[in-house]
Amino acid sequence: MQYAEIIVALGGGLLLAWVADLLTGRRGLFATLVVSSAGVACGCFLAVRVFAVSTLDSWPWVLWSMIAAVVCLGAFFLFRNKR
């Protein structure tokens, strides 16, 4: 499959957002989806363009994307405004 890495990265970002929403109990799935997808995009950019550790047709950038999504979700819940 030609785009399997991209599909796995998007699915992993969706899964991470869903799990983060379940663990926090906030009922804000759309916000966690936005934050997680931004993290996936940033992780991909860092792995492919900035550090040049992989290309889009290899698998290491998917791991970078998942790590970046976790970092972004952690920062989102840490610095989020709690009215």
N, C-alpha and C. Protein backbone atom coordinates (compact mmCIF):
# COMPACT_ATOMS: atom_id res chain seq x y z
N MET A 1 0.83 -1.18 0.00
CA MET A 1 0.00 0.00 0.00
C MET A 1 0.88 1.24 0.00
N GLN A 2 0.58 2.16 -0.86
CA GLN A 2 1.48 3.29 -1.08
C GLN A 2 1.45 4.31 0.04
N TYR A 3 0.30 4.58 0.60
CA TYR A 3 0.17 5.62 1.62
C TYR A 3 -0.15 5.05 2.99
N ALA A 4 0.34 3.89 3.30
CA ALA A 4 0.03 3.24 4.57
C ALA A 4 0.56 4.04 5.76
N GLU A 5 1.73 4.65 5.61
CA GLU A 5 2.30 5.42 6.71
C GLU A 5 1.42 6.61 7.08
N ILE A 6 0.90 7.28 6.08
CA ILE A 6 0.05 8.45 6.33
C ILE A 6 -1.25 8.02 7.00
N ILE A 7 -1.82 6.91 6.55
CA ILE A 7 -3.06 6.42 7.14
C ILE A 7 -2.83 6.01 8.59
N VAL A 8 -1.72 5.35 8.88
CA VAL A 8 -1.40 4.94 10.24
C VAL A 8 -1.16 6.17 11.12
N ALA A 9 -0.48 7.18 10.61
CA ALA A 9 -0.23 8.40 11.39
C ALA A 9 -1.53 9.13 11.72
N LEU A 10 -2.41 9.25 10.74
CA LEU A 10 -3.70 9.91 11.01
C LEU A 10 -4.56 9.10 11.97
N GLY A 11 -4.57 7.79 11.80
CA GLY A 11 -5.31 6.94 12.73
C GLY A 11 -4.73 6.97 14.14
N GLY A 12 -3.42 7.01 14.23
CA GLY A 12 -2.78 7.11 15.55
C GLY A 12 -3.08 8.44 16.23
N GLY A 13 -3.09 9.52 15.45
CA GLY A 13 -3.44 10.82 16.01
C GLY A 13 -4.88 10.85 16.49
N LEU A 14 -5.76 10.24 15.73
CA LEU A 14 -7.17 10.14 16.14
C LEU A 14 -7.31 9.31 17.41
N LEU A 15 -6.61 8.19 17.47
CA LEU A 15 -6.65 7.34 18.65
C LEU A 15 -6.10 8.05 19.88
N LEU A 16 -4.98 8.77 19.73
CA LEU A 16 -4.41 9.50 20.86
C LEU A 16 -5.36 10.58 21.35
N ALA A 17 -6.02 11.28 20.44
CA ALA A 17 -6.98 12.32 20.85
C ALA A 17 -8.16 11.70 21.59
N TRP A 18 -8.65 10.58 21.10
CA TRP A 18 -9.79 9.92 21.74
C TRP A 18 -9.42 9.42 23.14
N VAL A 19 -8.23 8.82 23.27
CA VAL A 19 -7.78 8.33 24.57
C VAL A 19 -7.55 9.49 25.54
N ALA A 20 -6.97 10.58 25.06
CA ALA A 20 -6.77 11.75 25.92
C ALA A 20 -8.10 12.32 26.39
N ASP A 21 -9.08 12.35 25.52
CA ASP A 21 -10.39 12.84 25.91
C ASP A 21 -11.05 11.90 26.93
N LEU A 22 -10.89 10.61 26.75
CA LEU A 22 -11.45 9.65 27.70
C LEU A 22 -10.77 9.74 29.07
N LEU A 23 -9.44 9.88 29.06
CA LEU A 23 -8.71 9.93 30.32
C LEU A 23 -8.99 11.19 31.12
N THR A 24 -9.21 12.30 30.44
CA THR A 24 -9.45 13.55 31.15
C THR A 24 -10.91 13.76 31.45
N GLY A 25 -11.79 13.12 30.72
CA GLY A 25 -13.22 13.25 30.96
C GLY A 25 -13.77 14.62 30.65
N ARG A 26 -13.19 15.31 29.72
CA ARG A 26 -13.57 16.68 29.43
C ARG A 26 -14.73 16.80 28.45
N ARG A 27 -14.98 15.80 27.65
CA ARG A 27 -16.01 15.84 26.61
C ARG A 27 -15.72 16.89 25.55
N GLY A 28 -14.47 17.12 25.26
CA GLY A 28 -14.09 18.07 24.22
C GLY A 28 -13.28 17.37 23.15
N LEU A 29 -13.89 16.42 22.47
CA LEU A 29 -13.16 15.62 21.49
C LEU A 29 -12.67 16.45 20.33
N PHE A 30 -13.43 17.45 19.90
CA PHE A 30 -12.99 18.27 18.77
C PHE A 30 -11.69 19.01 19.09
N ALA A 31 -11.59 19.56 20.29
CA ALA A 31 -10.37 20.28 20.67
C ALA A 31 -9.17 19.36 20.73
N THR A 32 -9.34 18.17 21.30
CA THR A 32 -8.22 17.24 21.35
C THR A 32 -7.85 16.73 19.95
N LEU A 33 -8.84 16.60 19.06
CA LEU A 33 -8.53 16.21 17.68
C LEU A 33 -7.70 17.28 16.97
N VAL A 34 -8.03 18.54 17.19
CA VAL A 34 -7.28 19.63 16.57
C VAL A 34 -5.85 19.65 17.10
N VAL A 35 -5.70 19.53 18.41
CA VAL A 35 -4.37 19.56 19.01
C VAL A 35 -3.55 18.35 18.58
N SER A 36 -4.14 17.19 18.56
CA SER A 36 -3.43 15.99 18.17
C SER A 36 -3.03 16.03 16.70
N SER A 37 -3.91 16.50 15.84
CA SER A 37 -3.55 16.58 14.41
C SER A 37 -2.47 17.62 14.17
N ALA A 38 -2.47 18.70 14.93
CA ALA A 38 -1.37 19.67 14.82
C ALA A 38 -0.06 19.05 15.27
N GLY A 39 -0.11 18.24 16.31
CA GLY A 39 1.09 17.54 16.76
C GLY A 39 1.60 16.54 15.75
N VAL A 40 0.69 15.84 15.10
CA VAL A 40 1.09 14.89 14.05
C VAL A 40 1.77 15.63 12.89
N ALA A 41 1.20 16.75 12.50
CA ALA A 41 1.80 17.53 11.41
C ALA A 41 3.16 18.09 11.80
N CYS A 42 3.27 18.57 13.03
CA CYS A 42 4.56 19.11 13.49
C CYS A 42 5.62 18.02 13.60
N GLY A 43 5.23 16.86 14.10
CA GLY A 43 6.17 15.75 14.19
C GLY A 43 6.65 15.29 12.83
N CYS A 44 5.75 15.25 11.88
CA CYS A 44 6.12 14.90 10.51
C CYS A 44 7.09 15.92 9.93
N PHE A 45 6.79 17.19 10.14
CA PHE A 45 7.66 18.25 9.62
C PHE A 45 9.04 18.18 10.26
N LEU A 46 9.09 17.97 11.57
CA LEU A 46 10.38 17.90 12.25
C LEU A 46 11.21 16.71 11.76
N ALA A 47 10.58 15.56 11.60
CA ALA A 47 11.32 14.37 11.18
C ALA A 47 11.78 14.45 9.74
N VAL A 48 10.95 15.00 8.87
CA VAL A 48 11.26 14.97 7.44
C VAL A 48 12.08 16.19 7.01
N ARG A 49 11.67 17.38 7.43
CA ARG A 49 12.30 18.59 6.91
C ARG A 49 13.39 19.17 7.81
N VAL A 50 13.18 19.16 9.11
CA VAL A 50 14.13 19.83 10.01
C VAL A 50 15.32 18.93 10.32
N PHE A 51 15.07 17.73 10.84
CA PHE A 51 16.17 16.86 11.24
C PHE A 51 16.57 15.85 10.17
N ALA A 52 15.75 15.69 9.16
CA ALA A 52 16.02 14.80 8.02
C ALA A 52 16.39 13.38 8.47
N VAL A 53 15.62 12.83 9.40
CA VAL A 53 15.88 11.47 9.87
C VAL A 53 15.12 10.43 9.05
N SER A 54 14.15 10.85 8.25
CA SER A 54 13.41 9.91 7.42
C SER A 54 12.76 10.64 6.26
N THR A 55 12.12 9.86 5.41
CA THR A 55 11.33 10.43 4.32
C THR A 55 9.88 9.97 4.52
N LEU A 56 8.99 10.52 3.72
CA LEU A 56 7.58 10.17 3.88
C LEU A 56 7.26 8.74 3.46
N ASP A 57 8.17 8.07 2.78
CA ASP A 57 7.90 6.69 2.38
C ASP A 57 8.58 5.69 3.31
N SER A 58 9.03 6.14 4.48
CA SER A 58 9.58 5.24 5.50
C SER A 58 8.80 5.43 6.80
N TRP A 59 9.02 4.57 7.77
CA TRP A 59 8.20 4.55 8.97
C TRP A 59 8.69 5.40 10.15
N PRO A 60 9.94 5.80 10.26
CA PRO A 60 10.36 6.53 11.46
C PRO A 60 9.62 7.84 11.71
N TRP A 61 9.16 8.51 10.70
CA TRP A 61 8.46 9.77 10.93
C TRP A 61 7.12 9.56 11.62
N VAL A 62 6.55 8.37 11.50
CA VAL A 62 5.28 8.09 12.17
C VAL A 62 5.49 8.08 13.69
N LEU A 63 6.58 7.50 14.14
CA LEU A 63 6.90 7.51 15.56
C LEU A 63 7.12 8.94 16.05
N TRP A 64 7.84 9.73 15.27
CA TRP A 64 8.04 11.15 15.62
C TRP A 64 6.70 11.86 15.72
N SER A 65 5.79 11.57 14.82
CA SER A 65 4.49 12.21 14.83
C SER A 65 3.68 11.84 16.06
N MET A 66 3.74 10.58 16.46
CA MET A 66 3.00 10.16 17.64
C MET A 66 3.59 10.80 18.90
N ILE A 67 4.90 10.88 18.98
CA ILE A 67 5.54 11.53 20.13
C ILE A 67 5.16 13.01 20.18
N ALA A 68 5.17 13.67 19.04
CA ALA A 68 4.81 15.09 18.99
C ALA A 68 3.34 15.29 19.36
N ALA A 69 2.47 14.38 18.96
CA ALA A 69 1.06 14.49 19.32
C ALA A 69 0.87 14.34 20.83
N VAL A 70 1.60 13.43 21.45
CA VAL A 70 1.52 13.26 22.90
C VAL A 70 2.03 14.50 23.62
N VAL A 71 3.12 15.08 23.13
CA VAL A 71 3.66 16.30 23.73
C VAL A 71 2.66 17.45 23.59
N CYS A 72 2.07 17.59 22.43
CA CYS A 72 1.08 18.65 22.21
C CYS A 72 -0.16 18.46 23.08
N LEU A 73 -0.63 17.24 23.20
CA LEU A 73 -1.79 16.99 24.07
C LEU A 73 -1.45 17.25 25.53
N GLY A 74 -0.24 16.87 25.95
CA GLY A 74 0.19 17.16 27.32
C GLY A 74 0.25 18.66 27.59
N ALA A 75 0.80 19.41 26.64
CA ALA A 75 0.86 20.86 26.79
C ALA A 75 -0.53 21.48 26.76
N PHE A 76 -1.41 20.93 25.96
CA PHE A 76 -2.77 21.44 25.88
C PHE A 76 -3.49 21.32 27.22
N PHE A 77 -3.37 20.16 27.85
CA PHE A 77 -4.05 19.97 29.12
C PHE A 77 -3.33 20.68 30.27
N LEU A 78 -2.04 20.91 30.12
CA LEU A 78 -1.29 21.60 31.17
C LEU A 78 -1.56 23.10 31.17
N PHE A 79 -1.60 23.70 29.98
CA PHE A 79 -1.73 25.16 29.88
C PHE A 79 -3.12 25.63 29.50
N ARG A 80 -4.07 24.75 29.49
CA ARG A 80 -5.43 25.11 29.10
C ARG A 80 -6.09 25.99 30.17
N ASN A 81 -6.85 26.94 29.72
CA ASN A 81 -7.56 27.85 30.63
C ASN A 81 -8.71 27.10 31.29
N LYS A 82 -8.73 27.11 32.61
CA LYS A 82 -9.77 26.40 33.36
C LYS A 82 -10.66 27.43 34.04
N ARG A 83 -11.73 27.80 33.39
CA ARG A 83 -12.61 28.84 33.96
C ARG A 83 -13.47 28.29 35.04
